[in-house]
Amino acid sequence: MGHYAKPTRSTIIPTLRYRDAKAAIQWLCDAFGFVRHLVVEDGEGGIAHAQLVFGNGMIMLGQARDDAFGRLQSPLADPAGPVAQSPYIIVSDVDAHHDHARAAGAKIIMPPKDQDYGGRLYSCRDLEGNLWNFGSYDPWED
């Protein structure tokens, strides 16, 4: 099945929905170091679609919507509850990234810690409770 993959920068791009996508975009850029690649407003004060990049990776996000697709993907019902998935982002300096994110308001769930499989990792929640993992372990280098 791997033959379906298109040769491009990143073939897996996580998507998220936020109650306040404009605030989320600003926060993700300020706290985590994402950079705006494309932001499309929906004409009603919200965000229809946004692309944020970090290194050679990307996330896409948009405003929570009450339509057929929007009901399939929604913001967390409980911002402190468990999640089914969470992005892992490779960073060059875990401790510095952690300190910057914490100062910007990230809720630290697990402080930086060396991992048994290699590298260092910390986990945090963003302004709407999504879980994020930042680490130095790069599985592509093994």
C-alpha atoms as a PDB file:
ATOM      1  CA  MET A   1       0.000   0.000   0.000  1.00  0.00           C
ATOM      2  CA  GLY A   2       2.984   2.323   0.425  1.00  0.00           C
ATOM      3  CA  HIS A   3       3.016   2.925  -3.316  1.00  0.00           C
ATOM      4  CA  TYR A   4       0.079   5.323  -2.880  1.00  0.00           C
ATOM      5  CA  ALA A   5       2.222   7.816  -0.955  1.00  0.00           C
ATOM      6  CA  LYS A   6       2.969  10.960  -2.922  1.00  0.00           C
ATOM      7  CA  PRO A   7       6.607  12.109  -2.788  1.00  0.00           C
ATOM      8  CA  THR A   8       6.237  15.408  -0.952  1.00  0.00           C
ATOM      9  CA  ARG A   9       7.554  17.157   2.166  1.00  0.00           C
ATOM     10  CA  SER A  10       5.209  15.547   4.673  1.00  0.00           C
ATOM     11  CA  THR A  11       2.689  12.868   3.757  1.00  0.00           C
ATOM     12  CA  ILE A  12       0.925  12.825   7.136  1.00  0.00           C
ATOM     13  CA  ILE A  13      -0.589  16.136   8.234  1.00  0.00           C
ATOM     14  CA  PRO A  14      -2.609  16.169  11.469  1.00  0.00           C
ATOM     15  CA  THR A  15      -5.819  18.220  11.450  1.00  0.00           C
ATOM     16  CA  LEU A  16      -7.471  19.865  14.442  1.00  0.00           C
ATOM     17  CA  ARG A  17     -10.629  21.830  15.226  1.00  0.00           C
ATOM     18  CA  TYR A  18     -10.721  24.698  17.691  1.00  0.00           C
ATOM     19  CA  ARG A  19     -13.574  26.658  19.227  1.00  0.00           C
ATOM     20  CA  ASP A  20     -11.563  29.839  18.563  1.00  0.00           C
ATOM     21  CA  ALA A  21      -9.270  29.041  15.650  1.00  0.00           C
ATOM     22  CA  LYS A  22      -7.938  32.606  15.363  1.00  0.00           C
ATOM     23  CA  ALA A  23      -6.769  32.542  18.975  1.00  0.00           C
ATOM     24  CA  ALA A  24      -5.378  29.026  18.491  1.00  0.00           C
ATOM     25  CA  ILE A  25      -3.312  30.066  15.470  1.00  0.00           C
ATOM     26  CA  GLN A  26      -1.774  32.978  17.350  1.00  0.00           C
ATOM     27  CA  TRP A  27      -1.151  30.829  20.424  1.00  0.00           C
ATOM     28  CA  LEU A  28       0.399  27.913  18.498  1.00  0.00           C
ATOM     29  CA  CYS A  29       2.762  30.325  16.744  1.00  0.00           C
ATOM     30  CA  ASP A  30       3.695  32.184  19.925  1.00  0.00           C
ATOM     31  CA  ALA A  31       3.953  29.197  22.278  1.00  0.00           C
ATOM     32  CA  PHE A  32       5.191  26.370  20.069  1.00  0.00           C
ATOM     33  CA  GLY A  33       6.955  28.167  17.222  1.00  0.00           C
ATOM     34  CA  PHE A  34       4.622  27.281  14.358  1.00  0.00           C
ATOM     35  CA  VAL A  35       4.631  29.621  11.353  1.00  0.00           C
ATOM     36  CA  ARG A  36       1.549  30.592   9.345  1.00  0.00           C
ATOM     37  CA  HIS A  37       1.637  29.055   5.874  1.00  0.00           C
ATOM     38  CA  LEU A  38      -1.972  29.764   4.836  1.00  0.00           C
ATOM     39  CA  VAL A  39      -4.969  31.163   6.730  1.00  0.00           C
ATOM     40  CA  VAL A  40      -8.403  31.339   5.068  1.00  0.00           C
ATOM     41  CA  GLU A  41     -11.150  33.172   6.931  1.00  0.00           C
ATOM     42  CA  ASP A  42     -14.733  31.917   6.685  1.00  0.00           C
ATOM     43  CA  GLY A  43     -16.418  35.304   6.220  1.00  0.00           C
ATOM     44  CA  GLU A  44     -18.155  35.016   9.598  1.00  0.00           C
ATOM     45  CA  GLY A  45     -15.240  35.935  11.840  1.00  0.00           C
ATOM     46  CA  GLY A  46     -13.825  32.419  12.039  1.00  0.00           C
ATOM     47  CA  ILE A  47     -11.225  30.365  10.216  1.00  0.00           C
ATOM     48  CA  ALA A  48     -12.320  28.014   7.427  1.00  0.00           C
ATOM     49  CA  HIS A  49      -8.864  26.502   6.950  1.00  0.00           C
ATOM     50  CA  ALA A  50      -5.352  27.172   8.186  1.00  0.00           C
ATOM     51  CA  GLN A  51      -1.976  25.595   7.581  1.00  0.00           C
ATOM     52  CA  LEU A  52       0.823  26.045  10.108  1.00  0.00           C
ATOM     53  CA  VAL A  53       4.341  24.731   9.558  1.00  0.00           C
ATOM     54  CA  PHE A  54       7.099  23.656  11.901  1.00  0.00           C
ATOM     55  CA  GLY A  55      10.310  22.623  10.168  1.00  0.00           C
ATOM     56  CA  ASN A  56       9.238  20.359   7.305  1.00  0.00           C
ATOM     57  CA  GLY A  57       6.008  19.341   9.063  1.00  0.00           C
ATOM     58  CA  MET A  58       2.569  20.864   8.936  1.00  0.00           C
ATOM     59  CA  ILE A  59      -0.718  20.870  10.797  1.00  0.00           C
ATOM     60  CA  MET A  60      -4.044  22.033   9.415  1.00  0.00           C
ATOM     61  CA  LEU A  61      -6.786  23.481  11.568  1.00  0.00           C
ATOM     62  CA  GLY A  62     -10.076  25.271  11.409  1.00  0.00           C
ATOM     63  CA  GLN A  63     -13.003  26.615  13.330  1.00  0.00           C
ATOM     64  CA  ALA A  64     -15.421  24.162  14.959  1.00  0.00           C
ATOM     65  CA  ARG A  65     -18.447  23.862  12.670  1.00  0.00           C
ATOM     66  CA  ASP A  66     -21.925  22.467  13.038  1.00  0.00           C
ATOM     67  CA  ASP A  67     -22.178  20.713   9.685  1.00  0.00           C
ATOM     68  CA  ALA A  68     -21.760  17.115   8.513  1.00  0.00           C
ATOM     69  CA  PHE A  69     -17.954  17.225   8.459  1.00  0.00           C
ATOM     70  CA  GLY A  70     -17.721  19.416  11.545  1.00  0.00           C
ATOM     71  CA  ARG A  71     -19.604  16.824  13.577  1.00  0.00           C
ATOM     72  CA  LEU A  72     -16.979  14.225  12.628  1.00  0.00           C
ATOM     73  CA  GLN A  73     -14.118  16.299  14.011  1.00  0.00           C
ATOM     74  CA  SER A  74     -14.726  18.593  16.946  1.00  0.00           C
ATOM     75  CA  PRO A  75     -12.796  20.304  19.726  1.00  0.00           C
ATOM     76  CA  LEU A  76     -12.270  18.336  22.916  1.00  0.00           C
ATOM     77  CA  ALA A  77     -15.416  18.048  25.033  1.00  0.00           C
ATOM     78  CA  ASP A  78     -13.265  17.943  28.182  1.00  0.00           C
ATOM     79  CA  PRO A  79     -10.064  20.012  27.840  1.00  0.00           C
ATOM     80  CA  ALA A  80      -8.511  18.111  30.758  1.00  0.00           C
ATOM     81  CA  GLY A  81      -9.681  14.654  29.680  1.00  0.00           C
ATOM     82  CA  PRO A  82      -7.996  11.874  27.742  1.00  0.00           C
ATOM     83  CA  VAL A  83      -7.330  12.123  24.018  1.00  0.00           C
ATOM     84  CA  ALA A  84      -7.218   9.463  21.316  1.00  0.00           C
ATOM     85  CA  GLN A  85      -4.248  10.979  19.513  1.00  0.00           C
ATOM     86  CA  SER A  86      -1.593  13.626  19.967  1.00  0.00           C
ATOM     87  CA  PRO A  87       1.088  15.015  17.654  1.00  0.00           C
ATOM     88  CA  TYR A  88       4.778  14.376  18.310  1.00  0.00           C
ATOM     89  CA  ILE A  89       7.044  17.167  17.105  1.00  0.00           C
ATOM     90  CA  ILE A  90      10.824  16.815  16.897  1.00  0.00           C
ATOM     91  CA  VAL A  91      12.707  19.776  18.354  1.00  0.00           C
ATOM     92  CA  SER A  92      16.413  20.529  18.641  1.00  0.00           C
ATOM     93  CA  ASP A  93      16.337  21.665  22.292  1.00  0.00           C
ATOM     94  CA  VAL A  94      13.581  20.076  24.375  1.00  0.00           C
ATOM     95  CA  ASP A  95      14.287  22.037  27.557  1.00  0.00           C
ATOM     96  CA  ALA A  96      14.379  25.429  25.831  1.00  0.00           C
ATOM     97  CA  HIS A  97      11.181  24.640  23.907  1.00  0.00           C
ATOM     98  CA  HIS A  98       9.516  23.508  27.137  1.00  0.00           C
ATOM     99  CA  ASP A  99      10.516  26.692  28.949  1.00  0.00           C
ATOM    100  CA  HIS A 100       9.219  28.866  26.105  1.00  0.00           C
ATOM    101  CA  ALA A 101       5.908  26.975  25.835  1.00  0.00           C
ATOM    102  CA  ARG A 102       5.373  27.048  29.606  1.00  0.00           C
ATOM    103  CA  ALA A 103       6.034  30.800  29.713  1.00  0.00           C
ATOM    104  CA  ALA A 104       3.458  31.244  26.916  1.00  0.00           C
ATOM    105  CA  GLY A 105       0.811  29.400  28.919  1.00  0.00           C
ATOM    106  CA  ALA A 106       1.114  25.750  27.898  1.00  0.00           C
ATOM    107  CA  LYS A 107      -0.117  23.441  30.651  1.00  0.00           C
ATOM    108  CA  ILE A 108       2.774  21.051  31.233  1.00  0.00           C
ATOM    109  CA  ILE A 109       1.545  17.479  31.692  1.00  0.00           C
ATOM    110  CA  MET A 110       4.954  15.804  31.766  1.00  0.00           C
ATOM    111  CA  PRO A 111       8.133  17.873  32.189  1.00  0.00           C
ATOM    112  CA  PRO A 112      11.190  17.115  30.055  1.00  0.00           C
ATOM    113  CA  LYS A 113      12.439  13.615  30.731  1.00  0.00           C
ATOM    114  CA  ASP A 114      14.935  11.254  29.115  1.00  0.00           C
ATOM    115  CA  GLN A 115      13.147   8.354  27.421  1.00  0.00           C
ATOM    116  CA  ASP A 116      14.100   4.658  27.504  1.00  0.00           C
ATOM    117  CA  TYR A 117      13.968   4.505  23.689  1.00  0.00           C
ATOM    118  CA  GLY A 118      16.265   7.518  23.335  1.00  0.00           C
ATOM    119  CA  GLY A 119      15.902  11.250  23.283  1.00  0.00           C
ATOM    120  CA  ARG A 120      14.145  13.585  25.647  1.00  0.00           C
ATOM    121  CA  LEU A 121      10.422  14.422  25.705  1.00  0.00           C
ATOM    122  CA  TYR A 122       7.841  16.662  27.340  1.00  0.00           C
ATOM    123  CA  SER A 123       4.063  16.746  26.975  1.00  0.00           C
ATOM    124  CA  CYS A 124       1.688  19.671  27.354  1.00  0.00           C
ATOM    125  CA  ARG A 125      -1.791  20.910  26.559  1.00  0.00           C
ATOM    126  CA  ASP A 126      -2.599  23.913  24.416  1.00  0.00           C
ATOM    127  CA  LEU A 127      -5.124  26.664  25.135  1.00  0.00           C
ATOM    128  CA  GLU A 128      -8.084  24.362  24.345  1.00  0.00           C
ATOM    129  CA  GLY A 129      -6.675  21.220  25.953  1.00  0.00           C
ATOM    130  CA  ASN A 130      -5.187  19.380  22.962  1.00  0.00           C
ATOM    131  CA  LEU A 131      -2.241  17.206  23.975  1.00  0.00           C
ATOM    132  CA  TRP A 132       1.122  17.857  22.298  1.00  0.00           C
ATOM    133  CA  ASN A 133       4.444  16.011  22.635  1.00  0.00           C
ATOM    134  CA  PHE A 134       7.807  17.600  21.864  1.00  0.00           C
ATOM    135  CA  GLY A 135      10.983  15.575  21.845  1.00  0.00           C
ATOM    136  CA  SER A 136      14.500  15.167  20.539  1.00  0.00           C
ATOM    137  CA  TYR A 137      14.102  11.513  19.528  1.00  0.00           C
ATOM    138  CA  ASP A 138      14.053  11.285  15.734  1.00  0.00           C
ATOM    139  CA  PRO A 139      12.856   7.863  14.553  1.00  0.00           C
ATOM    140  CA  TRP A 140      14.083   8.666  11.027  1.00  0.00           C
ATOM    141  CA  GLU A 141      17.679   8.628  12.297  1.00  0.00           C
ATOM    142  CA  ASP A 142      17.561   5.022  13.552  1.00  0.00           C
END
